[in-house]
Amino acid sequence: MKNPIISAIEARRTVNLFDPAHAIEEQQIVELVRLATTAPTAFNLQNWRFIAVHTPPAKARLRALAWDQAKVTEASVTFIVCGQLADHQHLPQRLTPSVEAGFMPAAMVPGWEGAAKNLYFEQPQRQRDEAVRTATFGAGTLIYAAQAMGLGSSPMIGFDADAVAEAFGLAADEIPVMLVAVGSAAPENWPQKPRRPLTQVLSVI
C-alpha cells in the first residue's frame, strides 16, 4: 500500500472552483491551523499568524482587495497567511515549552538567541525574508492539511497586500504573504497539471 502522505502529495491539485454551499465548522478551521503550525521555522521562532476569513461580510471585504476573485467568497474559508519579521527577542518565550518538555537544555537558549540576533538584528531584508519563508512553510502545510481532510485549496498571490494589511488590522511587523482558499472542490476543476521533467529541475552532484 502506498504511503498516505505520498498519495496526498500526488493527488493534490489547485482548486479554482469551489462549492459555495459547502460550510466549514470553526473547529475544522482550528484543526487546519493546528496542523499548519507544525511546519518548521528558523530557531522555532513560529513567526506567523493565520487570519481565517470565514463570515460572508469579511469574505466580501477581502474579495474586493483580491482582484475580485470569486474563490475568495465561494470557498468555505480563505486564510490570510502572515509572516512576522524575525525578532530574536521572542526566542526565550518560544523555546520555553521545549525546555519544559525536557529535551532542550535551558543553557542552550541564550546561544540560540545570540545566533538569531547576529542573523536578524538591524537586518531588515533578512527579517523580511524570514517572514516570507515562515509564512510559506505554514501555507504549504495548511494546503496538505486541507487535502488530508478531504478539502480543496488554492494559494493566491493576487491581492493588494498593503490594503489587506490595513483592512484586517495587521501589525507593523506582519506581512500578508499569501491567501489560501479552502473548501469543497467543484467537479469542474482540472486535475493536477503535469510537471516539468526532473531532468530539467534536478542536479545531483
N, C-alpha and C. Protein backbone atom coordinates (compact mmCIF):
# COMPACT_ATOMS: atom_id res chain seq x y z
N MET A 1 0.85 -1.19 0.00
CA MET A 1 0.00 0.00 0.00
C MET A 1 0.89 1.25 0.00
N LYS A 2 0.51 2.23 -0.82
CA LYS A 2 1.30 3.46 -0.92
C LYS A 2 1.14 4.27 0.36
N ASN A 3 2.23 4.92 0.78
CA ASN A 3 2.20 5.79 1.94
C ASN A 3 1.15 6.88 1.74
N PRO A 4 0.27 7.12 2.75
CA PRO A 4 -0.81 8.09 2.57
C PRO A 4 -0.30 9.52 2.37
N ILE A 5 0.85 9.85 2.91
CA ILE A 5 1.39 11.20 2.70
C ILE A 5 1.78 11.37 1.23
N ILE A 6 2.43 10.34 0.67
CA ILE A 6 2.80 10.41 -0.75
C ILE A 6 1.54 10.47 -1.62
N SER A 7 0.54 9.70 -1.25
CA SER A 7 -0.72 9.73 -2.01
C SER A 7 -1.34 11.12 -1.99
N ALA A 8 -1.30 11.78 -0.83
CA ALA A 8 -1.87 13.12 -0.72
C ALA A 8 -1.10 14.11 -1.57
N ILE A 9 0.23 13.98 -1.59
CA ILE A 9 1.05 14.88 -2.41
C ILE A 9 0.72 14.70 -3.89
N GLU A 10 0.57 13.44 -4.30
CA GLU A 10 0.32 13.16 -5.71
C GLU A 10 -1.10 13.54 -6.13
N ALA A 11 -2.03 13.50 -5.19
CA ALA A 11 -3.43 13.78 -5.53
C ALA A 11 -3.79 15.25 -5.45
N ARG A 12 -3.00 16.03 -4.72
CA ARG A 12 -3.35 17.43 -4.52
C ARG A 12 -3.39 18.19 -5.84
N ARG A 13 -4.35 19.09 -5.96
CA ARG A 13 -4.46 19.96 -7.13
C ARG A 13 -4.88 21.33 -6.65
N THR A 14 -4.61 22.32 -7.44
CA THR A 14 -5.06 23.66 -7.11
C THR A 14 -6.53 23.80 -7.51
N VAL A 15 -7.35 24.20 -6.56
CA VAL A 15 -8.78 24.31 -6.79
C VAL A 15 -9.13 25.76 -7.07
N ASN A 16 -9.71 26.01 -8.22
CA ASN A 16 -10.16 27.36 -8.57
C ASN A 16 -11.67 27.51 -8.51
N LEU A 17 -12.38 26.37 -8.46
CA LEU A 17 -13.84 26.39 -8.41
C LEU A 17 -14.30 25.65 -7.17
N PHE A 18 -14.97 26.38 -6.28
CA PHE A 18 -15.44 25.80 -5.02
C PHE A 18 -16.96 25.70 -5.01
N ASP A 19 -17.47 24.79 -4.20
CA ASP A 19 -18.91 24.68 -3.97
C ASP A 19 -19.29 25.73 -2.93
N PRO A 20 -19.96 26.81 -3.33
CA PRO A 20 -20.26 27.88 -2.37
C PRO A 20 -21.25 27.47 -1.29
N ALA A 21 -21.94 26.36 -1.48
CA ALA A 21 -22.90 25.89 -0.47
C ALA A 21 -22.22 25.12 0.66
N HIS A 22 -20.96 24.77 0.46
CA HIS A 22 -20.27 23.96 1.48
C HIS A 22 -19.80 24.85 2.63
N ALA A 23 -20.15 24.46 3.83
CA ALA A 23 -19.75 25.21 5.02
C ALA A 23 -18.67 24.43 5.78
N ILE A 24 -17.87 25.16 6.51
CA ILE A 24 -16.83 24.54 7.33
C ILE A 24 -17.01 25.03 8.76
N GLU A 25 -16.89 24.12 9.71
CA GLU A 25 -17.08 24.48 11.11
C GLU A 25 -15.82 25.15 11.66
N GLU A 26 -16.02 25.96 12.68
CA GLU A 26 -14.88 26.66 13.27
C GLU A 26 -13.85 25.68 13.81
N GLN A 27 -14.32 24.54 14.33
CA GLN A 27 -13.37 23.56 14.86
C GLN A 27 -12.47 23.00 13.75
N GLN A 28 -13.00 22.87 12.54
CA GLN A 28 -12.17 22.44 11.42
C GLN A 28 -11.12 23.50 11.09
N ILE A 29 -11.50 24.75 11.17
CA ILE A 29 -10.54 25.84 10.93
C ILE A 29 -9.41 25.77 11.96
N VAL A 30 -9.80 25.57 13.21
CA VAL A 30 -8.80 25.46 14.27
C VAL A 30 -7.85 24.29 14.00
N GLU A 31 -8.40 23.16 13.59
CA GLU A 31 -7.56 21.98 13.32
C GLU A 31 -6.63 22.21 12.14
N LEU A 32 -7.12 22.88 11.09
CA LEU A 32 -6.26 23.20 9.95
C LEU A 32 -5.06 24.03 10.38
N VAL A 33 -5.30 25.02 11.21
CA VAL A 33 -4.20 25.88 11.64
C VAL A 33 -3.29 25.15 12.64
N ARG A 34 -3.87 24.30 13.47
CA ARG A 34 -3.02 23.50 14.37
C ARG A 34 -2.02 22.67 13.56
N LEU A 35 -2.51 22.05 12.51
CA LEU A 35 -1.64 21.25 11.65
C LEU A 35 -0.65 22.14 10.90
N ALA A 36 -1.11 23.29 10.42
CA ALA A 36 -0.22 24.19 9.68
C ALA A 36 0.96 24.64 10.54
N THR A 37 0.71 24.83 11.82
CA THR A 37 1.77 25.33 12.70
C THR A 37 2.73 24.25 13.17
N THR A 38 2.60 23.04 12.64
CA THR A 38 3.64 22.03 12.87
C THR A 38 4.77 22.19 11.86
N ALA A 39 4.63 23.10 10.91
CA ALA A 39 5.67 23.33 9.91
C ALA A 39 6.93 23.89 10.58
N PRO A 40 8.09 23.70 9.96
CA PRO A 40 9.33 24.21 10.57
C PRO A 40 9.47 25.72 10.43
N THR A 41 10.16 26.31 11.40
CA THR A 41 10.55 27.71 11.32
C THR A 41 11.97 27.85 11.87
N ALA A 42 12.69 28.85 11.38
CA ALA A 42 14.05 29.07 11.84
C ALA A 42 14.07 29.33 13.34
N PHE A 43 14.95 28.65 14.06
CA PHE A 43 15.10 28.79 15.51
C PHE A 43 13.80 28.49 16.28
N ASN A 44 12.83 27.88 15.62
CA ASN A 44 11.50 27.67 16.18
C ASN A 44 10.84 29.00 16.56
N LEU A 45 11.08 30.03 15.74
CA LEU A 45 10.51 31.35 16.01
C LEU A 45 8.99 31.36 15.90
N GLN A 46 8.44 30.50 15.04
CA GLN A 46 6.99 30.44 14.84
C GLN A 46 6.42 31.84 14.56
N ASN A 47 7.11 32.56 13.70
CA ASN A 47 6.77 33.96 13.41
C ASN A 47 5.74 34.04 12.29
N TRP A 48 4.51 33.62 12.63
CA TRP A 48 3.41 33.60 11.67
C TRP A 48 2.11 33.92 12.37
N ARG A 49 1.10 34.23 11.58
CA ARG A 49 -0.26 34.37 12.08
C ARG A 49 -1.21 34.03 10.94
N PHE A 50 -2.32 33.39 11.28
CA PHE A 50 -3.31 32.97 10.29
C PHE A 50 -4.63 33.67 10.59
N ILE A 51 -5.13 34.42 9.63
CA ILE A 51 -6.42 35.08 9.78
C ILE A 51 -7.42 34.30 8.93
N ALA A 52 -8.39 33.67 9.58
CA ALA A 52 -9.39 32.87 8.88
C ALA A 52 -10.57 33.76 8.52
N VAL A 53 -10.69 34.08 7.25
CA VAL A 53 -11.77 34.94 6.76
C VAL A 53 -12.95 34.01 6.45
N HIS A 54 -13.95 34.01 7.33
CA HIS A 54 -14.95 32.95 7.34
C HIS A 54 -16.37 33.47 7.13
N THR A 55 -16.68 34.65 7.65
CA THR A 55 -18.04 35.17 7.55
C THR A 55 -18.26 35.84 6.19
N PRO A 56 -19.48 35.84 5.69
CA PRO A 56 -19.74 36.48 4.39
C PRO A 56 -19.29 37.94 4.30
N PRO A 57 -19.53 38.78 5.31
CA PRO A 57 -19.05 40.17 5.18
C PRO A 57 -17.53 40.27 5.09
N ALA A 58 -16.84 39.47 5.89
CA ALA A 58 -15.38 39.51 5.84
C ALA A 58 -14.86 38.99 4.51
N LYS A 59 -15.48 37.94 3.98
CA LYS A 59 -15.09 37.42 2.66
C LYS A 59 -15.28 38.48 1.58
N ALA A 60 -16.41 39.18 1.63
CA ALA A 60 -16.68 40.21 0.63
C ALA A 60 -15.64 41.33 0.71
N ARG A 61 -15.25 41.67 1.94
CA ARG A 61 -14.24 42.72 2.12
C ARG A 61 -12.90 42.28 1.54
N LEU A 62 -12.55 41.01 1.76
CA LEU A 62 -11.29 40.50 1.23
C LEU A 62 -11.35 40.37 -0.29
N ARG A 63 -12.46 39.90 -0.82
CA ARG A 63 -12.58 39.73 -2.27
C ARG A 63 -12.35 41.06 -2.99
N ALA A 64 -12.85 42.14 -2.43
CA ALA A 64 -12.68 43.45 -3.05
C ALA A 64 -11.21 43.86 -3.13
N LEU A 65 -10.37 43.28 -2.26
CA LEU A 65 -8.94 43.60 -2.25
C LEU A 65 -8.11 42.53 -2.95
N ALA A 66 -8.79 41.51 -3.48
CA ALA A 66 -8.11 40.39 -4.11
C ALA A 66 -8.53 40.25 -5.57
N TRP A 67 -8.57 41.39 -6.25
CA TRP A 67 -8.85 41.43 -7.68
C TRP A 67 -10.20 40.79 -8.02
N ASP A 68 -11.13 40.86 -7.07
CA ASP A 68 -12.48 40.35 -7.26
C ASP A 68 -12.51 38.87 -7.66
N GLN A 69 -11.59 38.09 -7.13
CA GLN A 69 -11.55 36.66 -7.44
C GLN A 69 -12.69 35.94 -6.70
N ALA A 70 -13.52 35.25 -7.45
CA ALA A 70 -14.71 34.64 -6.89
C ALA A 70 -14.40 33.60 -5.82
N LYS A 71 -13.26 32.93 -5.94
CA LYS A 71 -12.98 31.85 -4.99
C LYS A 71 -12.82 32.36 -3.56
N VAL A 72 -12.53 33.66 -3.39
CA VAL A 72 -12.42 34.19 -2.03
C VAL A 72 -13.74 34.07 -1.30
N THR A 73 -14.84 34.32 -1.98
CA THR A 73 -16.15 34.23 -1.33
C THR A 73 -16.80 32.86 -1.49
N GLU A 74 -16.44 32.11 -2.53
CA GLU A 74 -17.06 30.81 -2.75
C GLU A 74 -16.42 29.70 -1.93
N ALA A 75 -15.16 29.86 -1.56
CA ALA A 75 -14.52 28.89 -0.68
C ALA A 75 -15.16 28.98 0.71
N SER A 76 -15.04 27.90 1.46
CA SER A 76 -15.62 27.89 2.81
C SER A 76 -14.90 28.87 3.73
N VAL A 77 -13.60 29.01 3.55
CA VAL A 77 -12.79 29.93 4.35
C VAL A 77 -11.58 30.31 3.52
N THR A 78 -11.16 31.54 3.64
CA THR A 78 -9.91 31.96 3.00
C THR A 78 -8.98 32.49 4.08
N PHE A 79 -7.80 31.91 4.16
CA PHE A 79 -6.82 32.30 5.17
C PHE A 79 -5.90 33.39 4.62
N ILE A 80 -5.67 34.41 5.42
CA ILE A 80 -4.58 35.36 5.17
C ILE A 80 -3.40 34.84 5.97
N VAL A 81 -2.38 34.35 5.28
CA VAL A 81 -1.21 33.78 5.96
C VAL A 81 -0.16 34.87 6.10
N CYS A 82 0.12 35.24 7.33
CA CYS A 82 1.02 36.36 7.61
C CYS A 82 2.35 35.85 8.16
N GLY A 83 3.42 36.43 7.69
CA GLY A 83 4.73 36.23 8.30
C GLY A 83 5.08 37.43 9.15
N GLN A 84 5.73 37.19 10.27
CA GLN A 84 6.15 38.28 11.15
C GLN A 84 7.65 38.46 11.03
N LEU A 85 8.09 39.71 10.99
CA LEU A 85 9.51 39.99 10.87
C LEU A 85 10.28 39.26 11.97
N ALA A 86 11.36 38.59 11.59
CA ALA A 86 12.12 37.78 12.54
C ALA A 86 12.73 38.67 13.62
N ASP A 87 12.49 38.31 14.88
CA ASP A 87 12.96 39.10 16.02
C ASP A 87 13.49 38.15 17.08
N HIS A 88 14.80 38.23 17.34
CA HIS A 88 15.44 37.31 18.28
C HIS A 88 14.88 37.44 19.69
N GLN A 89 14.29 38.58 20.02
CA GLN A 89 13.81 38.80 21.39
C GLN A 89 12.65 37.88 21.78
N HIS A 90 12.00 37.28 20.78
CA HIS A 90 10.89 36.37 21.08
C HIS A 90 11.38 34.96 21.45
N LEU A 91 12.64 34.68 21.22
CA LEU A 91 13.10 33.29 21.35
C LEU A 91 12.97 32.71 22.76
N PRO A 92 13.34 33.41 23.82
CA PRO A 92 13.19 32.77 25.14
C PRO A 92 11.78 32.26 25.40
N GLN A 93 10.78 33.04 25.03
CA GLN A 93 9.39 32.61 25.22
C GLN A 93 9.04 31.44 24.31
N ARG A 94 9.48 31.50 23.06
CA ARG A 94 9.11 30.46 22.10
C ARG A 94 9.80 29.14 22.41
N LEU A 95 10.98 29.21 23.06
CA LEU A 95 11.73 27.98 23.34
C LEU A 95 11.41 27.39 24.71
N THR A 96 10.74 28.16 25.57
CA THR A 96 10.43 27.66 26.91
C THR A 96 9.68 26.33 26.90
N PRO A 97 8.67 26.14 26.04
CA PRO A 97 7.99 24.83 26.04
C PRO A 97 8.93 23.66 25.73
N SER A 98 9.93 23.87 24.89
CA SER A 98 10.89 22.80 24.59
C SER A 98 11.75 22.49 25.80
N VAL A 99 12.12 23.53 26.55
CA VAL A 99 12.88 23.33 27.78
C VAL A 99 12.02 22.59 28.80
N GLU A 100 10.77 23.03 28.95
CA GLU A 100 9.87 22.41 29.93
C GLU A 100 9.54 20.96 29.56
N ALA A 101 9.57 20.65 28.26
CA ALA A 101 9.32 19.28 27.83
C ALA A 101 10.50 18.36 28.11
N GLY A 102 11.65 18.96 28.42
CA GLY A 102 12.79 18.17 28.87
C GLY A 102 13.79 17.77 27.81
N PHE A 103 13.58 18.19 26.55
CA PHE A 103 14.54 17.76 25.53
C PHE A 103 15.51 18.86 25.11
N MET A 104 15.26 20.11 25.49
CA MET A 104 16.17 21.20 25.17
C MET A 104 16.77 21.72 26.47
N PRO A 105 18.08 21.66 26.63
CA PRO A 105 18.69 22.21 27.85
C PRO A 105 18.48 23.71 27.95
N ALA A 106 18.13 24.20 29.11
CA ALA A 106 17.91 25.63 29.31
C ALA A 106 19.15 26.43 28.95
N ALA A 107 20.33 25.87 29.18
CA ALA A 107 21.57 26.58 28.90
C ALA A 107 21.78 26.81 27.40
N MET A 108 21.02 26.12 26.58
CA MET A 108 21.16 26.27 25.13
C MET A 108 20.41 27.50 24.61
N VAL A 109 19.41 27.95 25.34
CA VAL A 109 18.55 29.04 24.85
C VAL A 109 19.31 30.32 24.58
N PRO A 110 20.18 30.81 25.48
CA PRO A 110 20.91 32.04 25.17
C PRO A 110 21.77 31.94 23.91
N GLY A 111 22.31 30.76 23.65
CA GLY A 111 23.10 30.58 22.43
C GLY A 111 22.26 30.72 21.18
N TRP A 112 21.06 30.15 21.20
CA TRP A 112 20.15 30.29 20.06
C TRP A 112 19.72 31.74 19.89
N GLU A 113 19.44 32.41 21.02
CA GLU A 113 19.02 33.81 20.93
C GLU A 113 20.15 34.67 20.36
N GLY A 114 21.37 34.40 20.80
CA GLY A 114 22.52 35.15 20.28
C GLY A 114 22.73 34.92 18.80
N ALA A 115 22.58 33.68 18.38
CA ALA A 115 22.74 33.37 16.95
C ALA A 115 21.68 34.07 16.12
N ALA A 116 20.44 34.07 16.62
CA ALA A 116 19.36 34.75 15.90
C ALA A 116 19.58 36.26 15.87
N LYS A 117 20.10 36.81 16.96
CA LYS A 117 20.39 38.25 16.98
C LYS A 117 21.45 38.59 15.94
N ASN A 118 22.49 37.77 15.87
CA ASN A 118 23.55 38.01 14.88
C ASN A 118 23.00 37.95 13.46
N LEU A 119 22.00 37.13 13.25
CA LEU A 119 21.47 36.95 11.91
C LEU A 119 20.47 38.05 11.52
N TYR A 120 19.63 38.47 12.48
CA TYR A 120 18.49 39.33 12.12
C TYR A 120 18.56 40.77 12.64
N PHE A 121 19.25 41.02 13.72
CA PHE A 121 19.20 42.35 14.34
C PHE A 121 19.74 43.42 13.40
N GLU A 122 18.90 44.43 13.19
CA GLU A 122 19.23 45.54 12.28
C GLU A 122 19.52 45.05 10.86
N GLN A 123 18.86 43.96 10.47
CA GLN A 123 18.97 43.40 9.12
C GLN A 123 17.56 43.29 8.54
N PRO A 124 16.97 44.39 8.09
CA PRO A 124 15.56 44.37 7.68
C PRO A 124 15.26 43.41 6.54
N GLN A 125 16.19 43.25 5.60
CA GLN A 125 15.92 42.33 4.49
C GLN A 125 15.88 40.89 4.98
N ARG A 126 16.80 40.52 5.87
CA ARG A 126 16.79 39.16 6.42
C ARG A 126 15.54 38.92 7.26
N GLN A 127 15.13 39.94 8.01
CA GLN A 127 13.91 39.81 8.81
C GLN A 127 12.71 39.55 7.91
N ARG A 128 12.65 40.29 6.82
CA ARG A 128 11.52 40.13 5.90
C ARG A 128 11.59 38.80 5.17
N ASP A 129 12.78 38.43 4.72
CA ASP A 129 12.94 37.15 4.04
C ASP A 129 12.48 36.00 4.93
N GLU A 130 12.82 36.08 6.23
CA GLU A 130 12.42 35.00 7.14
C GLU A 130 10.91 34.99 7.34
N ALA A 131 10.30 36.17 7.37
CA ALA A 131 8.84 36.23 7.49
C ALA A 131 8.18 35.55 6.30
N VAL A 132 8.69 35.80 5.11
CA VAL A 132 8.12 35.19 3.91
C VAL A 132 8.34 33.68 3.92
N ARG A 133 9.54 33.25 4.29
CA ARG A 133 9.81 31.81 4.35
C ARG A 133 8.88 31.12 5.34
N THR A 134 8.75 31.72 6.52
CA THR A 134 7.91 31.11 7.55
C THR A 134 6.46 30.98 7.10
N ALA A 135 5.92 32.06 6.54
CA ALA A 135 4.53 32.02 6.08
C ALA A 135 4.36 30.99 4.97
N THR A 136 5.36 30.85 4.12
CA THR A 136 5.27 29.90 3.01
C THR A 136 5.27 28.46 3.52
N PHE A 137 6.13 28.17 4.51
CA PHE A 137 6.09 26.84 5.12
C PHE A 137 4.73 26.57 5.73
N GLY A 138 4.19 27.55 6.44
CA GLY A 138 2.89 27.37 7.07
C GLY A 138 1.78 27.17 6.06
N ALA A 139 1.81 27.96 4.98
CA ALA A 139 0.78 27.84 3.94
C ALA A 139 0.86 26.49 3.26
N GLY A 140 2.08 26.01 2.98
CA GLY A 140 2.24 24.71 2.33
C GLY A 140 1.68 23.59 3.19
N THR A 141 1.96 23.65 4.48
CA THR A 141 1.44 22.62 5.38
C THR A 141 -0.07 22.72 5.50
N LEU A 142 -0.60 23.94 5.51
CA LEU A 142 -2.05 24.14 5.53
C LEU A 142 -2.71 23.50 4.31
N ILE A 143 -2.09 23.64 3.15
CA ILE A 143 -2.63 23.07 1.92
C ILE A 143 -2.74 21.54 2.03
N TYR A 144 -1.71 20.90 2.58
CA TYR A 144 -1.76 19.44 2.69
C TYR A 144 -2.64 18.99 3.85
N ALA A 145 -2.79 19.82 4.86
CA ALA A 145 -3.75 19.51 5.92
C ALA A 145 -5.16 19.51 5.34
N ALA A 146 -5.45 20.49 4.49
CA ALA A 146 -6.76 20.53 3.83
C ALA A 146 -6.96 19.29 2.97
N GLN A 147 -5.94 18.90 2.23
CA GLN A 147 -6.02 17.71 1.39
C GLN A 147 -6.34 16.48 2.23
N ALA A 148 -5.68 16.37 3.38
CA ALA A 148 -5.89 15.21 4.25
C ALA A 148 -7.31 15.19 4.83
N MET A 149 -7.94 16.36 4.93
CA MET A 149 -9.30 16.45 5.46
C MET A 149 -10.35 16.39 4.35
N GLY A 150 -9.92 16.06 3.13
CA GLY A 150 -10.86 15.93 2.03
C GLY A 150 -11.31 17.26 1.44
N LEU A 151 -10.53 18.31 1.67
CA LEU A 151 -10.88 19.64 1.18
C LEU A 151 -9.92 20.07 0.08
N GLY A 152 -10.40 20.96 -0.79
CA GLY A 152 -9.54 21.53 -1.81
C GLY A 152 -8.97 22.85 -1.33
N SER A 153 -7.92 23.31 -2.01
CA SER A 153 -7.30 24.57 -1.61
C SER A 153 -6.70 25.27 -2.81
N SER A 154 -6.50 26.57 -2.63
CA SER A 154 -5.90 27.37 -3.70
C SER A 154 -5.04 28.47 -3.07
N PRO A 155 -3.71 28.40 -3.24
CA PRO A 155 -2.86 29.50 -2.79
C PRO A 155 -3.00 30.68 -3.75
N MET A 156 -3.01 31.89 -3.22
CA MET A 156 -3.28 33.06 -4.04
C MET A 156 -2.31 34.19 -3.69
N ILE A 157 -1.72 34.79 -4.72
CA ILE A 157 -0.88 35.97 -4.52
C ILE A 157 -1.50 37.21 -5.15
N GLY A 158 -2.69 37.05 -5.74
CA GLY A 158 -3.35 38.16 -6.41
C GLY A 158 -4.18 38.99 -5.45
N PHE A 159 -3.54 39.89 -4.72
CA PHE A 159 -4.25 40.76 -3.80
C PHE A 159 -3.37 41.98 -3.50
N ASP A 160 -4.01 43.03 -3.02
CA ASP A 160 -3.31 44.26 -2.64
C ASP A 160 -2.82 44.10 -1.21
N ALA A 161 -1.54 43.82 -1.06
CA ALA A 161 -1.01 43.49 0.26
C ALA A 161 -1.16 44.65 1.25
N ASP A 162 -0.88 45.86 0.82
CA ASP A 162 -0.99 47.00 1.73
C ASP A 162 -2.44 47.21 2.17
N ALA A 163 -3.36 47.07 1.23
CA ALA A 163 -4.78 47.25 1.55
C ALA A 163 -5.27 46.15 2.49
N VAL A 164 -4.83 44.92 2.26
CA VAL A 164 -5.21 43.82 3.14
C VAL A 164 -4.67 44.04 4.54
N ALA A 165 -3.42 44.48 4.63
CA ALA A 165 -2.82 44.74 5.94
C ALA A 165 -3.62 45.79 6.71
N GLU A 166 -4.06 46.83 6.01
CA GLU A 166 -4.82 47.88 6.66
C GLU A 166 -6.23 47.42 7.01
N ALA A 167 -6.89 46.76 6.07
CA ALA A 167 -8.29 46.37 6.28
C ALA A 167 -8.46 45.32 7.37
N PHE A 168 -7.44 44.48 7.56
CA PHE A 168 -7.57 43.39 8.52
C PHE A 168 -6.68 43.58 9.75
N GLY A 169 -6.20 44.80 9.93
CA GLY A 169 -5.54 45.16 11.18
C GLY A 169 -4.23 44.47 11.46
N LEU A 170 -3.42 44.25 10.42
CA LEU A 170 -2.12 43.62 10.65
C LEU A 170 -1.21 44.58 11.40
N ALA A 171 -0.34 44.01 12.22
CA ALA A 171 0.63 44.81 12.96
C ALA A 171 1.73 45.29 12.03
N ALA A 172 2.52 46.24 12.50
CA ALA A 172 3.58 46.82 11.67
C ALA A 172 4.63 45.78 11.28
N ASP A 173 4.78 44.73 12.08
CA ASP A 173 5.80 43.71 11.79
C ASP A 173 5.23 42.51 11.05
N GLU A 174 3.98 42.61 10.56
CA GLU A 174 3.33 41.49 9.88
C GLU A 174 3.19 41.76 8.38
N ILE A 175 3.46 40.72 7.59
CA ILE A 175 3.37 40.80 6.13
C ILE A 175 2.33 39.78 5.66
N PRO A 176 1.31 40.21 4.90
CA PRO A 176 0.38 39.23 4.33
C PRO A 176 1.03 38.56 3.12
N VAL A 177 1.57 37.38 3.31
CA VAL A 177 2.39 36.74 2.28
C VAL A 177 1.54 36.11 1.19
N MET A 178 0.47 35.43 1.59
CA MET A 178 -0.41 34.83 0.59
C MET A 178 -1.77 34.55 1.21
N LEU A 179 -2.74 34.32 0.33
CA LEU A 179 -4.05 33.84 0.74
C LEU A 179 -4.13 32.37 0.40
N VAL A 180 -4.86 31.62 1.20
CA VAL A 180 -5.14 30.21 0.89
C VAL A 180 -6.64 29.99 1.06
N ALA A 181 -7.32 29.79 -0.06
CA ALA A 181 -8.74 29.48 -0.04
C ALA A 181 -8.93 27.99 0.18
N VAL A 182 -9.87 27.62 1.05
CA VAL A 182 -10.09 26.21 1.39
C VAL A 182 -11.59 25.93 1.37
N GLY A 183 -11.97 24.82 0.76
CA GLY A 183 -13.37 24.44 0.74
C GLY A 183 -13.58 23.16 -0.05
N SER A 184 -14.80 22.91 -0.41
CA SER A 184 -15.15 21.71 -1.18
C SER A 184 -14.96 22.00 -2.67
N ALA A 185 -14.15 21.19 -3.32
CA ALA A 185 -13.86 21.41 -4.74
C ALA A 185 -15.06 21.06 -5.61
N ALA A 186 -15.40 21.94 -6.53
CA ALA A 186 -16.44 21.64 -7.52
C ALA A 186 -15.88 20.63 -8.53
N PRO A 187 -16.73 19.80 -9.13
CA PRO A 187 -16.24 18.73 -10.03
C PRO A 187 -15.58 19.26 -11.30
N GLU A 188 -15.81 20.51 -11.67
CA GLU A 188 -15.26 21.03 -12.93
C GLU A 188 -13.78 21.37 -12.85
N ASN A 189 -13.17 21.28 -11.68
CA ASN A 189 -11.75 21.62 -11.57
C ASN A 189 -10.87 20.68 -12.38
N TRP A 190 -9.78 21.22 -12.89
CA TRP A 190 -8.80 20.41 -13.61
C TRP A 190 -8.08 19.47 -12.64
N PRO A 191 -7.51 18.37 -13.16
CA PRO A 191 -6.62 17.55 -12.33
C PRO A 191 -5.30 18.29 -12.10
N GLN A 192 -4.43 17.67 -11.34
CA GLN A 192 -3.11 18.28 -11.14
C GLN A 192 -2.41 18.42 -12.49
N LYS A 193 -1.88 19.62 -12.75
CA LYS A 193 -1.24 19.86 -14.05
C LYS A 193 0.12 19.16 -14.13
N PRO A 194 0.49 18.67 -15.32
CA PRO A 194 1.78 17.99 -15.45
C PRO A 194 2.95 18.88 -15.06
N ARG A 195 3.96 18.28 -14.49
CA ARG A 195 5.16 18.99 -14.04
C ARG A 195 6.29 18.85 -15.05
N ARG A 196 7.24 19.77 -14.97
CA ARG A 196 8.43 19.70 -15.84
C ARG A 196 9.20 18.42 -15.56
N PRO A 197 9.89 17.88 -16.56
CA PRO A 197 10.68 16.67 -16.34
C PRO A 197 11.77 16.91 -15.29
N LEU A 198 12.05 15.89 -14.51
CA LEU A 198 13.07 16.02 -13.48
C LEU A 198 14.44 16.34 -14.08
N THR A 199 14.67 15.92 -15.31
CA THR A 199 15.95 16.22 -15.94
C THR A 199 16.18 17.72 -16.10
N GLN A 200 15.10 18.50 -16.07
CA GLN A 200 15.21 19.96 -16.21
C GLN A 200 15.35 20.67 -14.86
N VAL A 201 15.01 20.00 -13.78
CA VAL A 201 14.98 20.69 -12.49
C VAL A 201 15.85 20.06 -11.41
N LEU A 202 16.45 18.91 -11.67
CA LEU A 202 17.23 18.21 -10.67
C LEU A 202 18.69 18.09 -11.09
N SER A 203 19.58 18.48 -10.19
CA SER A 203 21.00 18.24 -10.37
C SER A 203 21.51 17.46 -9.17
N VAL A 204 22.14 16.34 -9.40
CA VAL A 204 22.72 15.55 -8.33
C VAL A 204 24.23 15.67 -8.44
N ILE A 205 24.87 16.21 -7.42
CA ILE A 205 26.32 16.47 -7.51
C ILE A 205 27.07 15.81 -6.38
